[in-house]
Amino acid sequence: MNNEEAGDKTVDLKGVPKRGKVVWQNLEGEAVLLNPDTGDYFGLNEVACSFWEKVDGARSIEEILEGLLKEYEVERDELFRDIMELIERMRPYNLLSFE
């Protein structure tokens, strides 16, 4: 499987920044995100928080995964699936700028 495919879906985060208005706070390794346009909150665990910190619109999913693999003891495939699931869960909250 290509590292940017999950099922029939393809996600390439290169050039996909965080939505500009999202307010977030790192709270001892976990994060709370707020989309002020909708009033929706979204919580992130430690790994998801680290992912969020790395999404900058310049790094690819591959580059982000490599960074996470250096930080956490986890199998690559498991991490990839978890990150793809996270991205899909974040999509309805408009936390990333997909165009």
N, C-alpha and C. Protein backbone atom coordinates (compact mmCIF):
# COMPACT_ATOMS: atom_id res chain seq x y z
N MET A 1 0.85 -1.17 0.00
CA MET A 1 0.00 0.00 0.00
C MET A 1 0.89 1.24 0.00
N ASN A 2 0.56 2.18 -0.82
CA ASN A 2 1.23 3.47 -0.82
C ASN A 2 0.95 4.13 0.52
N ASN A 3 1.93 4.82 1.09
CA ASN A 3 1.76 5.43 2.40
C ASN A 3 0.77 6.58 2.41
N GLU A 4 0.21 6.91 1.27
CA GLU A 4 -0.77 7.98 1.24
C GLU A 4 -2.14 7.47 0.85
N GLU A 5 -2.36 6.15 0.94
CA GLU A 5 -3.65 5.58 0.60
C GLU A 5 -4.22 4.87 1.81
N ALA A 6 -5.50 5.01 1.99
CA ALA A 6 -6.22 4.30 3.05
C ALA A 6 -7.52 3.82 2.43
N GLY A 7 -7.60 2.53 2.16
CA GLY A 7 -8.77 2.04 1.45
C GLY A 7 -8.80 2.66 0.07
N ASP A 8 -9.90 3.27 -0.27
CA ASP A 8 -10.03 3.95 -1.57
C ASP A 8 -9.68 5.42 -1.47
N LYS A 9 -9.30 5.90 -0.30
CA LYS A 9 -9.06 7.32 -0.09
C LYS A 9 -7.57 7.62 -0.18
N THR A 10 -7.24 8.75 -0.77
CA THR A 10 -5.87 9.20 -0.81
C THR A 10 -5.78 10.54 -0.11
N VAL A 11 -4.82 10.69 0.77
CA VAL A 11 -4.63 11.94 1.49
C VAL A 11 -3.17 12.33 1.36
N ASP A 12 -2.94 13.50 0.84
CA ASP A 12 -1.59 14.05 0.76
C ASP A 12 -1.62 15.37 1.48
N LEU A 13 -0.94 15.45 2.62
CA LEU A 13 -0.99 16.66 3.43
C LEU A 13 -0.03 17.74 2.96
N LYS A 14 0.77 17.46 1.94
CA LYS A 14 1.68 18.49 1.45
C LYS A 14 0.83 19.64 0.94
N GLY A 15 1.05 20.81 1.45
CA GLY A 15 0.27 21.97 1.04
C GLY A 15 -1.08 22.06 1.73
N VAL A 16 -1.33 21.19 2.72
CA VAL A 16 -2.60 21.23 3.46
C VAL A 16 -2.31 21.74 4.87
N PRO A 17 -2.45 23.02 5.08
CA PRO A 17 -2.17 23.56 6.41
C PRO A 17 -3.36 23.41 7.35
N LYS A 18 -3.09 23.69 8.60
CA LYS A 18 -4.17 23.78 9.57
C LYS A 18 -5.05 24.94 9.13
N ARG A 19 -6.33 24.84 9.38
CA ARG A 19 -7.22 25.95 9.07
C ARG A 19 -6.80 27.13 9.94
N GLY A 20 -6.67 28.28 9.34
CA GLY A 20 -6.10 29.45 10.00
C GLY A 20 -6.75 29.90 11.28
N LYS A 21 -8.04 29.72 11.40
CA LYS A 21 -8.74 30.25 12.57
C LYS A 21 -8.79 29.28 13.74
N VAL A 22 -8.30 28.07 13.56
CA VAL A 22 -8.38 27.07 14.64
C VAL A 22 -7.51 27.52 15.81
N VAL A 23 -8.13 27.53 16.97
CA VAL A 23 -7.44 27.86 18.22
C VAL A 23 -7.15 26.54 18.92
N TRP A 24 -5.92 26.41 19.41
CA TRP A 24 -5.60 25.16 20.08
C TRP A 24 -4.62 25.39 21.22
N GLN A 25 -4.66 24.45 22.15
CA GLN A 25 -3.80 24.54 23.32
C GLN A 25 -3.24 23.16 23.62
N ASN A 26 -1.93 23.07 23.77
CA ASN A 26 -1.28 21.85 24.19
C ASN A 26 -1.35 21.81 25.71
N LEU A 27 -1.97 20.74 26.23
CA LEU A 27 -2.14 20.59 27.67
C LEU A 27 -1.40 19.34 28.13
N GLU A 28 -0.12 19.51 28.46
CA GLU A 28 0.70 18.40 28.93
C GLU A 28 0.72 17.23 27.96
N GLY A 29 0.93 17.52 26.68
CA GLY A 29 1.07 16.48 25.68
C GLY A 29 -0.21 16.14 24.93
N GLU A 30 -1.34 16.57 25.44
CA GLU A 30 -2.60 16.40 24.73
C GLU A 30 -3.06 17.78 24.30
N ALA A 31 -4.01 17.83 23.38
CA ALA A 31 -4.44 19.13 22.89
C ALA A 31 -5.95 19.20 22.78
N VAL A 32 -6.42 20.42 22.87
CA VAL A 32 -7.82 20.73 22.61
C VAL A 32 -7.83 21.76 21.49
N LEU A 33 -8.61 21.46 20.44
CA LEU A 33 -8.72 22.36 19.30
C LEU A 33 -10.12 22.95 19.29
N LEU A 34 -10.24 24.19 18.88
CA LEU A 34 -11.52 24.87 18.78
C LEU A 34 -11.62 25.51 17.41
N ASN A 35 -12.67 25.20 16.70
CA ASN A 35 -12.97 25.90 15.46
C ASN A 35 -13.94 27.02 15.83
N PRO A 36 -13.48 28.27 15.86
CA PRO A 36 -14.34 29.37 16.31
C PRO A 36 -15.50 29.64 15.35
N ASP A 37 -15.38 29.22 14.10
CA ASP A 37 -16.47 29.42 13.15
C ASP A 37 -17.68 28.57 13.49
N THR A 38 -17.44 27.37 14.07
CA THR A 38 -18.54 26.45 14.37
C THR A 38 -18.77 26.27 15.87
N GLY A 39 -17.76 26.64 16.68
CA GLY A 39 -17.85 26.42 18.12
C GLY A 39 -17.54 24.99 18.52
N ASP A 40 -17.09 24.16 17.57
CA ASP A 40 -16.80 22.76 17.85
C ASP A 40 -15.42 22.60 18.47
N TYR A 41 -15.36 21.74 19.48
CA TYR A 41 -14.10 21.36 20.12
C TYR A 41 -13.69 19.98 19.62
N PHE A 42 -12.38 19.74 19.60
CA PHE A 42 -11.87 18.44 19.16
C PHE A 42 -10.66 18.14 20.03
N GLY A 43 -10.66 16.98 20.70
CA GLY A 43 -9.56 16.60 21.58
C GLY A 43 -8.57 15.69 20.90
N LEU A 44 -7.30 15.85 21.24
CA LEU A 44 -6.23 15.03 20.67
C LEU A 44 -5.43 14.37 21.77
N ASN A 45 -5.13 13.08 21.58
CA ASN A 45 -4.24 12.40 22.52
C ASN A 45 -2.80 12.80 22.21
N GLU A 46 -1.85 12.21 22.89
CA GLU A 46 -0.44 12.60 22.75
C GLU A 46 0.08 12.44 21.32
N VAL A 47 -0.18 11.30 20.70
CA VAL A 47 0.32 11.07 19.33
C VAL A 47 -0.38 12.00 18.35
N ALA A 48 -1.69 12.15 18.49
CA ALA A 48 -2.44 13.04 17.60
C ALA A 48 -1.98 14.49 17.77
N CYS A 49 -1.65 14.87 18.99
CA CYS A 49 -1.14 16.22 19.25
C CYS A 49 0.19 16.43 18.53
N SER A 50 1.06 15.44 18.60
CA SER A 50 2.34 15.53 17.91
C SER A 50 2.13 15.63 16.40
N PHE A 51 1.17 14.86 15.88
CA PHE A 51 0.82 14.96 14.46
C PHE A 51 0.37 16.38 14.13
N TRP A 52 -0.54 16.92 14.93
CA TRP A 52 -1.08 18.26 14.69
C TRP A 52 0.05 19.30 14.66
N GLU A 53 0.99 19.17 15.57
CA GLU A 53 2.10 20.12 15.62
C GLU A 53 2.97 20.05 14.36
N LYS A 54 2.99 18.90 13.68
CA LYS A 54 3.84 18.72 12.50
C LYS A 54 3.15 19.13 11.19
N VAL A 55 1.83 19.20 11.20
CA VAL A 55 1.12 19.60 9.98
C VAL A 55 1.35 21.08 9.77
N ASP A 56 2.08 21.40 8.70
CA ASP A 56 2.43 22.79 8.46
C ASP A 56 2.18 23.22 7.01
N GLY A 57 1.61 22.33 6.21
CA GLY A 57 1.36 22.67 4.82
C GLY A 57 2.55 22.45 3.92
N ALA A 58 3.70 22.14 4.50
CA ALA A 58 4.91 21.91 3.70
C ALA A 58 5.34 20.45 3.73
N ARG A 59 5.12 19.79 4.86
CA ARG A 59 5.55 18.38 5.00
C ARG A 59 4.50 17.44 4.42
N SER A 60 4.98 16.38 3.81
CA SER A 60 4.09 15.33 3.29
C SER A 60 3.71 14.39 4.43
N ILE A 61 2.70 13.56 4.19
CA ILE A 61 2.31 12.57 5.19
C ILE A 61 3.49 11.66 5.50
N GLU A 62 4.29 11.33 4.50
CA GLU A 62 5.47 10.48 4.70
C GLU A 62 6.45 11.14 5.66
N GLU A 63 6.71 12.42 5.48
CA GLU A 63 7.63 13.14 6.36
C GLU A 63 7.09 13.22 7.79
N ILE A 64 5.79 13.43 7.91
CA ILE A 64 5.17 13.49 9.24
C ILE A 64 5.25 12.12 9.92
N LEU A 65 4.94 11.06 9.17
CA LEU A 65 5.03 9.71 9.72
C LEU A 65 6.45 9.39 10.19
N GLU A 66 7.45 9.76 9.39
CA GLU A 66 8.84 9.52 9.79
C GLU A 66 9.16 10.20 11.11
N GLY A 67 8.69 11.43 11.27
CA GLY A 67 8.91 12.14 12.53
C GLY A 67 8.24 11.45 13.70
N LEU A 68 7.00 10.99 13.49
CA LEU A 68 6.27 10.32 14.56
C LEU A 68 6.91 8.98 14.91
N LEU A 69 7.42 8.27 13.92
CA LEU A 69 8.06 6.97 14.17
C LEU A 69 9.33 7.12 15.01
N LYS A 70 9.98 8.28 14.92
CA LYS A 70 11.16 8.54 15.73
C LYS A 70 10.78 8.84 17.18
N GLU A 71 9.56 9.33 17.38
CA GLU A 71 9.10 9.71 18.72
C GLU A 71 8.44 8.57 19.48
N TYR A 72 7.76 7.67 18.76
CA TYR A 72 6.93 6.65 19.41
C TYR A 72 7.29 5.26 18.93
N GLU A 73 7.21 4.31 19.84
CA GLU A 73 7.41 2.90 19.49
C GLU A 73 6.08 2.35 18.99
N VAL A 74 5.94 2.30 17.69
CA VAL A 74 4.71 1.84 17.07
C VAL A 74 5.05 1.30 15.69
N GLU A 75 4.29 0.31 15.25
CA GLU A 75 4.48 -0.23 13.90
C GLU A 75 4.01 0.80 12.88
N ARG A 76 4.75 0.91 11.80
CA ARG A 76 4.45 1.89 10.75
C ARG A 76 3.01 1.76 10.24
N ASP A 77 2.57 0.54 9.93
CA ASP A 77 1.22 0.34 9.39
C ASP A 77 0.15 0.77 10.38
N GLU A 78 0.37 0.46 11.65
CA GLU A 78 -0.60 0.84 12.68
C GLU A 78 -0.67 2.37 12.80
N LEU A 79 0.49 3.02 12.82
CA LEU A 79 0.53 4.47 12.90
C LEU A 79 -0.15 5.10 11.68
N PHE A 80 0.15 4.57 10.51
CA PHE A 80 -0.45 5.10 9.28
C PHE A 80 -1.98 5.00 9.36
N ARG A 81 -2.50 3.83 9.75
CA ARG A 81 -3.95 3.66 9.85
C ARG A 81 -4.55 4.64 10.87
N ASP A 82 -3.88 4.79 12.01
CA ASP A 82 -4.38 5.70 13.04
C ASP A 82 -4.41 7.14 12.56
N ILE A 83 -3.36 7.55 11.84
CA ILE A 83 -3.30 8.93 11.35
C ILE A 83 -4.35 9.16 10.27
N MET A 84 -4.55 8.20 9.39
CA MET A 84 -5.59 8.33 8.35
C MET A 84 -6.98 8.42 8.99
N GLU A 85 -7.20 7.62 10.02
CA GLU A 85 -8.47 7.68 10.75
C GLU A 85 -8.65 9.04 11.41
N LEU A 86 -7.58 9.56 12.02
CA LEU A 86 -7.62 10.87 12.65
C LEU A 86 -7.97 11.95 11.63
N ILE A 87 -7.33 11.92 10.47
CA ILE A 87 -7.59 12.92 9.44
C ILE A 87 -9.06 12.88 9.02
N GLU A 88 -9.59 11.68 8.85
CA GLU A 88 -11.00 11.55 8.45
C GLU A 88 -11.93 12.03 9.55
N ARG A 89 -11.56 11.80 10.82
CA ARG A 89 -12.38 12.30 11.94
C ARG A 89 -12.31 13.82 12.05
N MET A 90 -11.18 14.41 11.66
CA MET A 90 -11.02 15.86 11.73
C MET A 90 -11.75 16.58 10.60
N ARG A 91 -11.92 15.90 9.48
CA ARG A 91 -12.48 16.53 8.28
C ARG A 91 -13.79 17.27 8.53
N PRO A 92 -14.79 16.67 9.19
CA PRO A 92 -16.06 17.38 9.39
C PRO A 92 -15.94 18.62 10.29
N TYR A 93 -14.88 18.69 11.06
CA TYR A 93 -14.68 19.84 11.96
C TYR A 93 -13.95 20.99 11.29
N ASN A 94 -13.57 20.80 10.02
CA ASN A 94 -12.87 21.84 9.25
C ASN A 94 -11.62 22.35 9.96
N LEU A 95 -10.80 21.41 10.42
CA LEU A 95 -9.57 21.76 11.13
C LEU A 95 -8.38 21.84 10.19
N LEU A 96 -8.48 21.19 9.04
CA LEU A 96 -7.44 21.23 8.02
C LEU A 96 -8.03 21.85 6.76
N SER A 97 -7.19 22.49 5.99
CA SER A 97 -7.66 23.16 4.76
C SER A 97 -7.50 22.26 3.56
N PHE A 98 -8.51 21.44 3.28
CA PHE A 98 -8.50 20.60 2.09
C PHE A 98 -9.14 21.40 0.97
N GLU A 99 -8.47 21.45 -0.18
CA GLU A 99 -9.04 22.19 -1.30
C GLU A 99 -9.20 21.32 -2.50
